[in-house]
Amino acid sequence: MKSHLLILCNQGLIDFNYGKWQGLSHQEVKDKYKELYAEWIKNPHQVKMPAGERLNEVSERAMGVVDDVIAKYKG
């Protein structure tokens, strides 16, 4: 008997959107975004990536998925 597994992708669980930092090396980010990088090191929770997102947006997105799963599968 064959068993079928259904895998669903949920956009709420995608990786952090680094925006314009995506694909750059660590050194490139430090060179191109000196002030923002320094703020990221000191206060990452306050930084919005250029054309990307903030950490609280990632948290809200992921927790929305968790809340949906909890509501759907009570107990």
C-alpha atoms as a PDB file:
ATOM      1  CA  MET A   1       0.000   0.000   0.000  1.00  0.00           C
ATOM      2  CA  LYS A   2       1.418   3.360  -1.049  1.00  0.00           C
ATOM      3  CA  SER A   3       1.265   6.263   1.333  1.00  0.00           C
ATOM      4  CA  HIS A   4       1.053   9.787   0.001  1.00  0.00           C
ATOM      5  CA  LEU A   5       2.506  12.694   1.846  1.00  0.00           C
ATOM      6  CA  LEU A   6       1.216  16.184   1.180  1.00  0.00           C
ATOM      7  CA  ILE A   7       3.686  18.953   1.860  1.00  0.00           C
ATOM      8  CA  LEU A   8       2.405  22.487   2.044  1.00  0.00           C
ATOM      9  CA  CYS A   9       4.623  25.535   1.885  1.00  0.00           C
ATOM     10  CA  ASN A  10       3.707  28.434   4.098  1.00  0.00           C
ATOM     11  CA  GLN A  11       5.020  31.895   3.257  1.00  0.00           C
ATOM     12  CA  GLY A  12       4.872  32.753   6.945  1.00  0.00           C
ATOM     13  CA  LEU A  13       7.858  30.476   7.522  1.00  0.00           C
ATOM     14  CA  ILE A  14      10.158  31.781   4.811  1.00  0.00           C
ATOM     15  CA  ASP A  15      13.623  33.040   5.669  1.00  0.00           C
ATOM     16  CA  PHE A  16      14.299  36.562   6.909  1.00  0.00           C
ATOM     17  CA  ASN A  17      14.103  39.061   4.031  1.00  0.00           C
ATOM     18  CA  TYR A  18      17.504  40.768   4.006  1.00  0.00           C
ATOM     19  CA  GLY A  19      16.425  42.990   1.102  1.00  0.00           C
ATOM     20  CA  LYS A  20      19.414  44.688  -0.515  1.00  0.00           C
ATOM     21  CA  TRP A  21      21.763  42.841   1.841  1.00  0.00           C
ATOM     22  CA  GLN A  22      20.691  39.497   0.365  1.00  0.00           C
ATOM     23  CA  GLY A  23      23.544  37.797  -1.467  1.00  0.00           C
ATOM     24  CA  LEU A  24      26.197  40.237  -0.260  1.00  0.00           C
ATOM     25  CA  SER A  25      29.170  39.024   1.699  1.00  0.00           C
ATOM     26  CA  HIS A  26      29.576  40.120   5.292  1.00  0.00           C
ATOM     27  CA  GLN A  27      32.356  42.517   4.244  1.00  0.00           C
ATOM     28  CA  GLU A  28      30.281  44.005   1.413  1.00  0.00           C
ATOM     29  CA  VAL A  29      27.460  44.768   3.845  1.00  0.00           C
ATOM     30  CA  LYS A  30      29.901  46.377   6.280  1.00  0.00           C
ATOM     31  CA  ASP A  31      31.391  48.508   3.472  1.00  0.00           C
ATOM     32  CA  LYS A  32      28.178  49.525   1.666  1.00  0.00           C
ATOM     33  CA  TYR A  33      25.928  50.006   4.700  1.00  0.00           C
ATOM     34  CA  LYS A  34      28.374  51.127   7.380  1.00  0.00           C
ATOM     35  CA  GLU A  35      25.947  53.061   9.623  1.00  0.00           C
ATOM     36  CA  LEU A  36      23.047  50.643   9.242  1.00  0.00           C
ATOM     37  CA  TYR A  37      25.351  47.680   9.844  1.00  0.00           C
ATOM     38  CA  ALA A  38      26.632  49.290  13.063  1.00  0.00           C
ATOM     39  CA  GLU A  39      23.017  49.789  14.184  1.00  0.00           C
ATOM     40  CA  TRP A  40      22.241  46.148  13.249  1.00  0.00           C
ATOM     41  CA  ILE A  41      25.085  45.000  15.529  1.00  0.00           C
ATOM     42  CA  LYS A  42      23.952  47.241  18.417  1.00  0.00           C
ATOM     43  CA  ASN A  43      20.155  47.074  18.072  1.00  0.00           C
ATOM     44  CA  PRO A  44      19.081  44.496  15.491  1.00  0.00           C
ATOM     45  CA  HIS A  45      15.458  44.697  16.639  1.00  0.00           C
ATOM     46  CA  GLN A  46      15.310  48.343  15.510  1.00  0.00           C
ATOM     47  CA  VAL A  47      16.712  47.897  11.994  1.00  0.00           C
ATOM     48  CA  LYS A  48      14.624  47.586   8.844  1.00  0.00           C
ATOM     49  CA  MET A  49      16.624  46.096   6.010  1.00  0.00           C
ATOM     50  CA  PRO A  50      16.653  48.257   2.865  1.00  0.00           C
ATOM     51  CA  ALA A  51      13.882  46.747   0.696  1.00  0.00           C
ATOM     52  CA  GLY A  52      13.595  44.013   3.341  1.00  0.00           C
ATOM     53  CA  GLU A  53      11.982  43.592   6.734  1.00  0.00           C
ATOM     54  CA  ARG A  54      12.408  44.073  10.475  1.00  0.00           C
ATOM     55  CA  LEU A  55      12.893  41.254  12.970  1.00  0.00           C
ATOM     56  CA  ASN A  56       9.487  41.962  14.528  1.00  0.00           C
ATOM     57  CA  GLU A  57       7.901  41.413  11.093  1.00  0.00           C
ATOM     58  CA  VAL A  58       9.543  37.994  10.903  1.00  0.00           C
ATOM     59  CA  SER A  59       8.309  37.170  14.393  1.00  0.00           C
ATOM     60  CA  GLU A  60       4.751  38.286  13.628  1.00  0.00           C
ATOM     61  CA  ARG A  61       4.748  36.302  10.393  1.00  0.00           C
ATOM     62  CA  ALA A  62       6.007  33.113  12.042  1.00  0.00           C
ATOM     63  CA  MET A  63       3.762  33.440  15.093  1.00  0.00           C
ATOM     64  CA  GLY A  64       0.769  33.826  12.780  1.00  0.00           C
ATOM     65  CA  VAL A  65       1.554  30.370  11.410  1.00  0.00           C
ATOM     66  CA  VAL A  66       1.951  28.953  14.920  1.00  0.00           C
ATOM     67  CA  ASP A  67      -1.371  30.481  15.982  1.00  0.00           C
ATOM     68  CA  ASP A  68      -3.089  29.009  12.915  1.00  0.00           C
ATOM     69  CA  VAL A  69      -1.718  25.525  13.641  1.00  0.00           C
ATOM     70  CA  ILE A  70      -2.760  25.731  17.294  1.00  0.00           C
ATOM     71  CA  ALA A  71      -6.277  26.820  16.298  1.00  0.00           C
ATOM     72  CA  LYS A  72      -6.584  24.101  13.679  1.00  0.00           C
ATOM     73  CA  TYR A  73      -5.232  21.230  15.797  1.00  0.00           C
ATOM     74  CA  LYS A  74      -6.573  21.868  19.265  1.00  0.00           C
ATOM     75  CA  GLY A  75      -5.343  19.424  21.856  1.00  0.00           C
END
